[in-house]
Amino acid sequence: MHLLGKFLGLFIGFGATQDSIGAVAGLLIGALFDAHFARVEKPYRKRGAWQTEFSYLVTVLHAKFAKMDGQVTADEVRLFQNVVAVSKEDLPAVRAVYNQFRRSSDGFEHVAVRLSEMLAFDPSSKNHVVETLCYVMYGTGQGADLYQKAFIQAVARIFSIADADLQKLMDGVRLQFEVGGASTAGASSGQSEGAYNDAPWLDHSKAFKVLGLKGTATYEEMRKAYKKLIREHHPDKVRGAGGTDQDVEQAEDRLSDINEAYAVLCQYYDR
């Protein structure tokens, strides 16, 4: 319980008026100060709850960002996992949240506003969130994609990041990829060691099953199966064949599973 505001209010109020009315008025003003201070401090005292909400919002933001250019790809899933630190215990929840919100990019502004509120006194963390988006954009070779750039610019404006500072962030990430590739960029963007490499969303044995393969399949066989399944289950193909909205939604879910499996197996074959 905070008492500093009440004590100072009581002291100043009585000192200014030399009567009980001033003391009571000062006490009330001090109580309001204490209430405000407690409200601001609360998220920091309950760091666990704060961190949970922050991680949730960053996952939602990335899912919507991946959808911004039309289709969530395996590379976008893989790069998101590379740049975000997720414990093994949290993997199922993060995967579920990502898959739920990757259906549409609509509403990302509300997510960014809440993140901006949470990071109101931490501009460096705001910059880091924007850097992770740039990491996914440049890592997938979509640096020229106007939709994803517009998404990043909108988030930066909500975060009160100046245009010149945003350009420096984007140029920095782009240069990291040009010079050192994804591993260097991932480290500079705050990649957690093992966020993806040690804890993939799917076990590789399950990933093989998703692609209809045995565990002895070669890399080329895996890629061939992946491309075949992408063609068969692409939502645009289902829509063009007269599929219902439910059919298209099911195709999107299936495509998401295929992309996740492919991302996991690409990492598996790189070992």
C-alpha atoms as a PDB file:
ATOM      1  CA  MET A   1       0.000   0.000   0.000  1.00  0.00           C
ATOM      2  CA  HIS A   2       1.327   3.428  -0.919  1.00  0.00           C
ATOM      3  CA  LEU A   3       1.245   6.090   1.815  1.00  0.00           C
ATOM      4  CA  LEU A   4       3.710   8.655   0.506  1.00  0.00           C
ATOM      5  CA  GLY A   5       1.113  10.711  -1.377  1.00  0.00           C
ATOM      6  CA  LYS A   6      -1.298  10.743   1.564  1.00  0.00           C
ATOM      7  CA  PHE A   7       1.428  11.786   3.999  1.00  0.00           C
ATOM      8  CA  LEU A   8       2.735  14.591   1.796  1.00  0.00           C
ATOM      9  CA  GLY A   9      -0.773  15.763   0.965  1.00  0.00           C
ATOM     10  CA  LEU A  10      -1.717  15.900   4.641  1.00  0.00           C
ATOM     11  CA  PHE A  11       1.470  17.782   5.554  1.00  0.00           C
ATOM     12  CA  ILE A  12       1.290  20.306   2.685  1.00  0.00           C
ATOM     13  CA  GLY A  13      -2.466  20.851   3.050  1.00  0.00           C
ATOM     14  CA  PHE A  14      -2.248  21.570   6.760  1.00  0.00           C
ATOM     15  CA  GLY A  15       0.859  23.727   6.315  1.00  0.00           C
ATOM     16  CA  ALA A  16      -0.818  25.847   3.661  1.00  0.00           C
ATOM     17  CA  THR A  17      -4.121  26.492   5.491  1.00  0.00           C
ATOM     18  CA  GLN A  18      -3.305  25.742   9.129  1.00  0.00           C
ATOM     19  CA  ASP A  19      -6.687  24.057   9.571  1.00  0.00           C
ATOM     20  CA  SER A  20      -8.307  20.652   9.259  1.00  0.00           C
ATOM     21  CA  ILE A  21     -10.035  21.471   5.957  1.00  0.00           C
ATOM     22  CA  GLY A  22      -6.723  21.968   4.207  1.00  0.00           C
ATOM     23  CA  ALA A  23      -5.369  18.804   5.784  1.00  0.00           C
ATOM     24  CA  VAL A  24      -8.346  16.757   4.550  1.00  0.00           C
ATOM     25  CA  ALA A  25      -8.090  18.268   1.071  1.00  0.00           C
ATOM     26  CA  GLY A  26      -4.384  17.495   0.963  1.00  0.00           C
ATOM     27  CA  LEU A  27      -5.073  13.951   2.173  1.00  0.00           C
ATOM     28  CA  LEU A  28      -7.587  13.380  -0.652  1.00  0.00           C
ATOM     29  CA  ILE A  29      -5.213  14.716  -3.297  1.00  0.00           C
ATOM     30  CA  GLY A  30      -2.468  12.526  -1.909  1.00  0.00           C
ATOM     31  CA  ALA A  31      -4.762   9.485  -2.060  1.00  0.00           C
ATOM     32  CA  LEU A  32      -5.426  10.154  -5.746  1.00  0.00           C
ATOM     33  CA  PHE A  33      -1.679  10.355  -6.370  1.00  0.00           C
ATOM     34  CA  ASP A  34      -1.114   7.050  -4.590  1.00  0.00           C
ATOM     35  CA  ALA A  35      -3.869   5.372  -6.612  1.00  0.00           C
ATOM     36  CA  HIS A  36      -2.353   6.602  -9.875  1.00  0.00           C
ATOM     37  CA  PHE A  37       1.135   5.486  -8.855  1.00  0.00           C
ATOM     38  CA  ALA A  38      -0.118   2.045  -7.880  1.00  0.00           C
ATOM     39  CA  ARG A  39      -1.884   1.664 -11.232  1.00  0.00           C
ATOM     40  CA  VAL A  40       1.265   2.572 -13.164  1.00  0.00           C
ATOM     41  CA  GLU A  41       3.481   0.360 -11.015  1.00  0.00           C
ATOM     42  CA  LYS A  42       1.186  -2.678 -10.975  1.00  0.00           C
ATOM     43  CA  PRO A  43       2.334  -4.260 -14.272  1.00  0.00           C
ATOM     44  CA  TYR A  44       5.921  -4.071 -13.131  1.00  0.00           C
ATOM     45  CA  ARG A  45       5.188  -5.642  -9.755  1.00  0.00           C
ATOM     46  CA  LYS A  46       3.338  -8.461 -11.505  1.00  0.00           C
ATOM     47  CA  ARG A  47       6.010  -9.098 -14.090  1.00  0.00           C
ATOM     48  CA  GLY A  48       4.744 -12.578 -14.887  1.00  0.00           C
ATOM     49  CA  ALA A  49       1.339 -11.336 -16.013  1.00  0.00           C
ATOM     50  CA  TRP A  50       2.946  -8.463 -17.913  1.00  0.00           C
ATOM     51  CA  GLN A  51       5.330 -10.768 -19.751  1.00  0.00           C
ATOM     52  CA  THR A  52       2.524 -13.166 -20.651  1.00  0.00           C
ATOM     53  CA  GLU A  53       0.442 -10.394 -22.209  1.00  0.00           C
ATOM     54  CA  PHE A  54       3.465  -8.956 -23.995  1.00  0.00           C
ATOM     55  CA  SER A  55       4.423 -12.314 -25.509  1.00  0.00           C
ATOM     56  CA  TYR A  56       0.810 -12.923 -26.537  1.00  0.00           C
ATOM     57  CA  LEU A  57       0.555  -9.548 -28.286  1.00  0.00           C
ATOM     58  CA  VAL A  58       3.880  -9.950 -30.096  1.00  0.00           C
ATOM     59  CA  THR A  59       2.740 -13.355 -31.372  1.00  0.00           C
ATOM     60  CA  VAL A  60      -0.553 -11.893 -32.603  1.00  0.00           C
ATOM     61  CA  LEU A  61       1.249  -8.995 -34.270  1.00  0.00           C
ATOM     62  CA  HIS A  62       3.607 -11.333 -36.116  1.00  0.00           C
ATOM     63  CA  ALA A  63       0.783 -13.628 -37.212  1.00  0.00           C
ATOM     64  CA  LYS A  64      -1.105 -10.689 -38.703  1.00  0.00           C
ATOM     65  CA  PHE A  65       2.080  -9.355 -40.269  1.00  0.00           C
ATOM     66  CA  ALA A  66       2.742 -12.676 -42.003  1.00  0.00           C
ATOM     67  CA  LYS A  67      -0.779 -12.547 -43.472  1.00  0.00           C
ATOM     68  CA  MET A  68      -0.330  -8.974 -44.725  1.00  0.00           C
ATOM     69  CA  ASP A  69       1.017 -10.040 -48.121  1.00  0.00           C
ATOM     70  CA  GLY A  70      -1.779 -12.566 -48.638  1.00  0.00           C
ATOM     71  CA  GLN A  71      -0.413 -15.956 -47.606  1.00  0.00           C
ATOM     72  CA  VAL A  72       1.502 -17.122 -44.551  1.00  0.00           C
ATOM     73  CA  THR A  73       4.551 -19.047 -45.769  1.00  0.00           C
ATOM     74  CA  ALA A  74       6.783 -21.651 -44.178  1.00  0.00           C
ATOM     75  CA  ASP A  75       9.693 -19.188 -44.160  1.00  0.00           C
ATOM     76  CA  GLU A  76       7.636 -16.647 -42.220  1.00  0.00           C
ATOM     77  CA  VAL A  77       6.729 -19.273 -39.628  1.00  0.00           C
ATOM     78  CA  ARG A  78      10.368 -20.367 -39.354  1.00  0.00           C
ATOM     79  CA  LEU A  79      11.706 -16.824 -39.043  1.00  0.00           C
ATOM     80  CA  PHE A  80       9.130 -15.932 -36.409  1.00  0.00           C
ATOM     81  CA  GLN A  81      10.245 -18.926 -34.375  1.00  0.00           C
ATOM     82  CA  ASN A  82      13.872 -17.861 -34.867  1.00  0.00           C
ATOM     83  CA  VAL A  83      13.368 -14.364 -33.534  1.00  0.00           C
ATOM     84  CA  VAL A  84      10.972 -14.950 -30.632  1.00  0.00           C
ATOM     85  CA  ALA A  85      12.107 -16.664 -27.433  1.00  0.00           C
ATOM     86  CA  VAL A  86       9.552 -19.326 -26.501  1.00  0.00           C
ATOM     87  CA  SER A  87      10.001 -21.982 -23.838  1.00  0.00           C
ATOM     88  CA  LYS A  88       9.107 -25.595 -24.596  1.00  0.00           C
ATOM     89  CA  GLU A  89       6.220 -25.373 -22.143  1.00  0.00           C
ATOM     90  CA  ASP A  90       4.747 -22.395 -23.990  1.00  0.00           C
ATOM     91  CA  LEU A  91       5.150 -23.768 -27.504  1.00  0.00           C
ATOM     92  CA  PRO A  92       1.647 -25.303 -27.835  1.00  0.00           C
ATOM     93  CA  ALA A  93      -0.015 -22.083 -26.665  1.00  0.00           C
ATOM     94  CA  VAL A  94       2.108 -19.874 -28.929  1.00  0.00           C
ATOM     95  CA  ARG A  95       1.419 -22.130 -31.898  1.00  0.00           C
ATOM     96  CA  ALA A  96      -2.329 -22.008 -31.216  1.00  0.00           C
ATOM     97  CA  VAL A  97      -2.339 -18.208 -30.920  1.00  0.00           C
ATOM     98  CA  TYR A  98      -0.277 -17.757 -34.087  1.00  0.00           C
ATOM     99  CA  ASN A  99      -2.536 -20.057 -36.082  1.00  0.00           C
ATOM    100  CA  GLN A 100      -5.667 -18.377 -34.772  1.00  0.00           C
ATOM    101  CA  PHE A 101      -4.634 -14.862 -35.750  1.00  0.00           C
ATOM    102  CA  ARG A 102      -2.790 -15.559 -38.987  1.00  0.00           C
ATOM    103  CA  ARG A 103      -6.153 -15.749 -40.765  1.00  0.00           C
ATOM    104  CA  SER A 104      -6.372 -11.985 -41.195  1.00  0.00           C
ATOM    105  CA  SER A 105      -4.209  -8.898 -40.811  1.00  0.00           C
ATOM    106  CA  ASP A 106      -7.237  -6.844 -39.753  1.00  0.00           C
ATOM    107  CA  GLY A 107      -7.023  -5.207 -36.349  1.00  0.00           C
ATOM    108  CA  PHE A 108      -3.241  -5.188 -36.043  1.00  0.00           C
ATOM    109  CA  GLU A 109      -3.392  -1.492 -35.139  1.00  0.00           C
ATOM    110  CA  HIS A 110      -5.206  -2.280 -31.887  1.00  0.00           C
ATOM    111  CA  VAL A 111      -2.500  -4.793 -31.005  1.00  0.00           C
ATOM    112  CA  ALA A 112       0.204  -2.209 -31.710  1.00  0.00           C
ATOM    113  CA  VAL A 113      -1.576   0.404 -29.570  1.00  0.00           C
ATOM    114  CA  ARG A 114      -1.671  -1.943 -26.590  1.00  0.00           C
ATOM    115  CA  LEU A 115       2.002  -2.819 -27.051  1.00  0.00           C
ATOM    116  CA  SER A 116       2.821   0.882 -27.221  1.00  0.00           C
ATOM    117  CA  GLU A 117       1.009   1.433 -23.928  1.00  0.00           C
ATOM    118  CA  MET A 118       2.897  -1.420 -22.284  1.00  0.00           C
ATOM    119  CA  LEU A 119       6.235  -0.090 -23.553  1.00  0.00           C
ATOM    120  CA  ALA A 120       5.465   3.564 -22.931  1.00  0.00           C
ATOM    121  CA  PHE A 121       8.683   4.062 -20.929  1.00  0.00           C
ATOM    122  CA  ASP A 122      10.827   1.638 -22.919  1.00  0.00           C
ATOM    123  CA  PRO A 123      11.567   3.003 -26.422  1.00  0.00           C
ATOM    124  CA  SER A 124      14.370   0.487 -26.991  1.00  0.00           C
ATOM    125  CA  SER A 125      11.893  -2.397 -26.666  1.00  0.00           C
ATOM    126  CA  LYS A 126       9.589  -0.677 -29.146  1.00  0.00           C
ATOM    127  CA  ASN A 127      12.477  -0.532 -31.575  1.00  0.00           C
ATOM    128  CA  HIS A 128      13.174  -4.212 -30.957  1.00  0.00           C
ATOM    129  CA  VAL A 129       9.588  -5.229 -31.774  1.00  0.00           C
ATOM    130  CA  VAL A 130       9.814  -3.337 -35.069  1.00  0.00           C
ATOM    131  CA  GLU A 131      13.204  -4.939 -35.763  1.00  0.00           C
ATOM    132  CA  THR A 132      11.696  -8.412 -35.418  1.00  0.00           C
ATOM    133  CA  LEU A 133       9.113  -7.536 -38.063  1.00  0.00           C
ATOM    134  CA  CYS A 134      11.878  -6.275 -40.351  1.00  0.00           C
ATOM    135  CA  TYR A 135      13.782  -9.499 -39.700  1.00  0.00           C
ATOM    136  CA  VAL A 136      10.878 -11.582 -41.004  1.00  0.00           C
ATOM    137  CA  MET A 137      10.312  -9.274 -43.990  1.00  0.00           C
ATOM    138  CA  TYR A 138      13.923  -9.233 -45.171  1.00  0.00           C
ATOM    139  CA  GLY A 139      14.518 -12.848 -44.187  1.00  0.00           C
ATOM    140  CA  THR A 140      11.806 -13.999 -46.565  1.00  0.00           C
ATOM    141  CA  GLY A 141      13.134 -11.796 -49.366  1.00  0.00           C
ATOM    142  CA  GLN A 142      10.131  -9.497 -49.246  1.00  0.00           C
ATOM    143  CA  GLY A 143      11.977  -6.261 -48.614  1.00  0.00           C
ATOM    144  CA  ALA A 144      10.217  -4.716 -51.605  1.00  0.00           C
ATOM    145  CA  ASP A 145       6.731  -5.810 -50.493  1.00  0.00           C
ATOM    146  CA  LEU A 146       4.688  -2.622 -50.150  1.00  0.00           C
ATOM    147  CA  TYR A 147       2.049  -4.228 -47.918  1.00  0.00           C
ATOM    148  CA  GLN A 148       4.505  -5.450 -45.302  1.00  0.00           C
ATOM    149  CA  LYS A 149       6.397  -2.150 -45.408  1.00  0.00           C
ATOM    150  CA  ALA A 150       3.137  -0.293 -44.844  1.00  0.00           C
ATOM    151  CA  PHE A 151       2.405  -2.578 -41.878  1.00  0.00           C
ATOM    152  CA  ILE A 152       5.791  -1.809 -40.326  1.00  0.00           C
ATOM    153  CA  GLN A 153       5.386   1.920 -40.958  1.00  0.00           C
ATOM    154  CA  ALA A 154       1.955   1.896 -39.313  1.00  0.00           C
ATOM    155  CA  VAL A 155       3.305   0.105 -36.230  1.00  0.00           C
ATOM    156  CA  ALA A 156       6.236   2.539 -36.058  1.00  0.00           C
ATOM    157  CA  ARG A 157       3.860   5.512 -36.133  1.00  0.00           C
ATOM    158  CA  ILE A 158       1.801   4.023 -33.308  1.00  0.00           C
ATOM    159  CA  PHE A 159       5.060   3.484 -31.387  1.00  0.00           C
ATOM    160  CA  SER A 160       6.011   7.145 -32.038  1.00  0.00           C
ATOM    161  CA  ILE A 161       9.160   6.106 -33.900  1.00  0.00           C
ATOM    162  CA  ALA A 162      10.308   8.881 -36.218  1.00  0.00           C
ATOM    163  CA  ASP A 163      10.514   8.112 -39.943  1.00  0.00           C
ATOM    164  CA  ALA A 164      14.275   8.667 -39.969  1.00  0.00           C
ATOM    165  CA  ASP A 165      14.777   6.314 -37.035  1.00  0.00           C
ATOM    166  CA  LEU A 166      12.571   3.681 -38.668  1.00  0.00           C
ATOM    167  CA  GLN A 167      14.609   3.882 -41.856  1.00  0.00           C
ATOM    168  CA  LYS A 168      17.786   3.310 -39.839  1.00  0.00           C
ATOM    169  CA  LEU A 169      16.228   0.226 -38.212  1.00  0.00           C
ATOM    170  CA  MET A 170      15.129  -1.183 -41.558  1.00  0.00           C
ATOM    171  CA  ASP A 171      18.465  -0.463 -43.213  1.00  0.00           C
ATOM    172  CA  GLY A 172      20.287  -2.069 -40.294  1.00  0.00           C
ATOM    173  CA  VAL A 173      18.352  -5.332 -40.531  1.00  0.00           C
ATOM    174  CA  ARG A 174      18.610  -5.391 -44.323  1.00  0.00           C
ATOM    175  CA  LEU A 175      22.375  -4.903 -44.117  1.00  0.00           C
ATOM    176  CA  GLN A 176      22.686  -7.752 -41.607  1.00  0.00           C
ATOM    177  CA  PHE A 177      21.059 -10.122 -44.070  1.00  0.00           C
ATOM    178  CA  GLU A 178      23.184  -8.881 -46.951  1.00  0.00           C
ATOM    179  CA  VAL A 179      26.414  -9.307 -44.970  1.00  0.00           C
ATOM    180  CA  GLY A 180      25.853 -12.230 -42.628  1.00  0.00           C
ATOM    181  CA  GLY A 181      22.609 -13.946 -43.546  1.00  0.00           C
ATOM    182  CA  ALA A 182      19.769 -15.063 -41.293  1.00  0.00           C
ATOM    183  CA  SER A 183      21.936 -16.292 -38.416  1.00  0.00           C
ATOM    184  CA  THR A 184      23.659 -12.930 -37.965  1.00  0.00           C
ATOM    185  CA  ALA A 185      20.406 -11.009 -38.319  1.00  0.00           C
ATOM    186  CA  GLY A 186      18.701 -13.324 -35.849  1.00  0.00           C
ATOM    187  CA  ALA A 187      21.364 -12.745 -33.215  1.00  0.00           C
ATOM    188  CA  SER A 188      21.185  -8.981 -33.656  1.00  0.00           C
ATOM    189  CA  SER A 189      17.397  -9.046 -33.400  1.00  0.00           C
ATOM    190  CA  GLY A 190      17.522 -10.730 -30.023  1.00  0.00           C
ATOM    191  CA  GLN A 191      17.107 -14.329 -31.121  1.00  0.00           C
ATOM    192  CA  SER A 192      17.052 -16.655 -28.145  1.00  0.00           C
ATOM    193  CA  GLU A 193      19.444 -19.560 -28.453  1.00  0.00           C
ATOM    194  CA  GLY A 194      17.131 -22.515 -28.813  1.00  0.00           C
ATOM    195  CA  ALA A 195      13.938 -20.497 -29.335  1.00  0.00           C
ATOM    196  CA  TYR A 196      13.519 -22.461 -32.546  1.00  0.00           C
ATOM    197  CA  ASN A 197      16.525 -24.720 -33.028  1.00  0.00           C
ATOM    198  CA  ASP A 198      16.090 -26.577 -29.742  1.00  0.00           C
ATOM    199  CA  ALA A 199      12.323 -26.392 -29.514  1.00  0.00           C
ATOM    200  CA  PRO A 200      10.490 -26.595 -32.862  1.00  0.00           C
ATOM    201  CA  TRP A 201       6.716 -26.248 -32.830  1.00  0.00           C
ATOM    202  CA  LEU A 202       6.285 -29.786 -34.108  1.00  0.00           C
ATOM    203  CA  ASP A 203       8.338 -32.871 -33.362  1.00  0.00           C
ATOM    204  CA  HIS A 204      10.072 -33.862 -36.602  1.00  0.00           C
ATOM    205  CA  SER A 205       8.428 -37.304 -36.538  1.00  0.00           C
ATOM    206  CA  LYS A 206       5.003 -35.613 -36.543  1.00  0.00           C
ATOM    207  CA  ALA A 207       6.155 -33.240 -39.265  1.00  0.00           C
ATOM    208  CA  PHE A 208       6.980 -36.204 -41.509  1.00  0.00           C
ATOM    209  CA  LYS A 209       3.459 -37.555 -40.962  1.00  0.00           C
ATOM    210  CA  VAL A 210       1.894 -34.201 -41.866  1.00  0.00           C
ATOM    211  CA  LEU A 211       3.668 -34.377 -45.226  1.00  0.00           C
ATOM    212  CA  GLY A 212       2.747 -38.052 -45.639  1.00  0.00           C
ATOM    213  CA  LEU A 213       6.362 -39.221 -45.446  1.00  0.00           C
ATOM    214  CA  LYS A 214       8.378 -41.831 -43.612  1.00  0.00           C
ATOM    215  CA  GLY A 215      11.191 -40.747 -41.343  1.00  0.00           C
ATOM    216  CA  THR A 216      13.724 -42.061 -43.845  1.00  0.00           C
ATOM    217  CA  ALA A 217      12.677 -39.584 -46.560  1.00  0.00           C
ATOM    218  CA  THR A 218      15.457 -37.528 -48.109  1.00  0.00           C
ATOM    219  CA  TYR A 219      15.490 -33.747 -48.219  1.00  0.00           C
ATOM    220  CA  GLU A 220      14.552 -33.734 -51.906  1.00  0.00           C
ATOM    221  CA  GLU A 221      11.665 -36.140 -51.276  1.00  0.00           C
ATOM    222  CA  MET A 222      10.463 -33.874 -48.486  1.00  0.00           C
ATOM    223  CA  ARG A 223      10.562 -30.783 -50.713  1.00  0.00           C
ATOM    224  CA  LYS A 224       8.736 -32.626 -53.489  1.00  0.00           C
ATOM    225  CA  ALA A 225       5.980 -33.748 -51.104  1.00  0.00           C
ATOM    226  CA  TYR A 226       5.700 -30.234 -49.675  1.00  0.00           C
ATOM    227  CA  LYS A 227       5.256 -28.602 -53.087  1.00  0.00           C
ATOM    228  CA  LYS A 228       2.674 -31.206 -54.095  1.00  0.00           C
ATOM    229  CA  LEU A 229       0.619 -30.655 -50.925  1.00  0.00           C
ATOM    230  CA  ILE A 230       0.831 -26.867 -51.291  1.00  0.00           C
ATOM    231  CA  ARG A 231      -0.662 -27.104 -54.776  1.00  0.00           C
ATOM    232  CA  GLU A 232      -3.397 -29.482 -53.660  1.00  0.00           C
ATOM    233  CA  HIS A 233      -4.478 -27.579 -50.574  1.00  0.00           C
ATOM    234  CA  HIS A 234      -3.952 -23.974 -51.597  1.00  0.00           C
ATOM    235  CA  PRO A 235      -7.025 -21.922 -50.581  1.00  0.00           C
ATOM    236  CA  ASP A 236      -7.128 -20.183 -53.965  1.00  0.00           C
ATOM    237  CA  LYS A 237      -7.484 -23.548 -55.693  1.00  0.00           C
ATOM    238  CA  VAL A 238     -10.301 -24.531 -53.331  1.00  0.00           C
ATOM    239  CA  ARG A 239     -12.018 -21.190 -53.880  1.00  0.00           C
ATOM    240  CA  GLY A 240     -11.617 -21.434 -57.652  1.00  0.00           C
ATOM    241  CA  ALA A 241     -13.183 -24.893 -57.602  1.00  0.00           C
ATOM    242  CA  GLY A 242     -16.320 -23.440 -56.016  1.00  0.00           C
ATOM    243  CA  GLY A 243     -15.507 -24.313 -52.427  1.00  0.00           C
ATOM    244  CA  THR A 244     -17.508 -22.761 -49.613  1.00  0.00           C
ATOM    245  CA  ASP A 245     -16.067 -20.364 -47.059  1.00  0.00           C
ATOM    246  CA  GLN A 246     -15.774 -23.296 -44.681  1.00  0.00           C
ATOM    247  CA  ASP A 247     -13.866 -25.283 -47.311  1.00  0.00           C
ATOM    248  CA  VAL A 248     -11.470 -22.376 -47.811  1.00  0.00           C
ATOM    249  CA  GLU A 249     -10.976 -22.027 -44.062  1.00  0.00           C
ATOM    250  CA  GLN A 250     -10.190 -25.728 -43.756  1.00  0.00           C
ATOM    251  CA  ALA A 251      -7.715 -25.419 -46.619  1.00  0.00           C
ATOM    252  CA  GLU A 252      -6.016 -22.529 -44.827  1.00  0.00           C
ATOM    253  CA  ASP A 253      -5.717 -24.621 -41.671  1.00  0.00           C
ATOM    254  CA  ARG A 254      -4.286 -27.529 -43.641  1.00  0.00           C
ATOM    255  CA  LEU A 255      -1.862 -25.211 -45.432  1.00  0.00           C
ATOM    256  CA  SER A 256      -0.733 -23.810 -42.104  1.00  0.00           C
ATOM    257  CA  ASP A 257       0.033 -27.328 -40.839  1.00  0.00           C
ATOM    258  CA  ILE A 258       1.948 -28.105 -44.036  1.00  0.00           C
ATOM    259  CA  ASN A 259       4.012 -24.937 -43.756  1.00  0.00           C
ATOM    260  CA  GLU A 260       4.822 -25.615 -40.116  1.00  0.00           C
ATOM    261  CA  ALA A 261       5.894 -29.158 -40.914  1.00  0.00           C
ATOM    262  CA  TYR A 262       8.087 -27.920 -43.740  1.00  0.00           C
ATOM    263  CA  ALA A 263       9.745 -25.305 -41.502  1.00  0.00           C
ATOM    264  CA  VAL A 264      10.502 -27.941 -38.853  1.00  0.00           C
ATOM    265  CA  LEU A 265      11.927 -30.405 -41.369  1.00  0.00           C
ATOM    266  CA  CYS A 266      14.091 -27.770 -43.047  1.00  0.00           C
ATOM    267  CA  GLN A 267      15.654 -27.180 -39.645  1.00  0.00           C
ATOM    268  CA  TYR A 268      15.872 -30.942 -39.062  1.00  0.00           C
ATOM    269  CA  TYR A 269      17.812 -31.552 -42.292  1.00  0.00           C
ATOM    270  CA  ASP A 270      20.166 -28.641 -41.500  1.00  0.00           C
ATOM    271  CA  ARG A 271      21.484 -30.414 -38.378  1.00  0.00           C
END
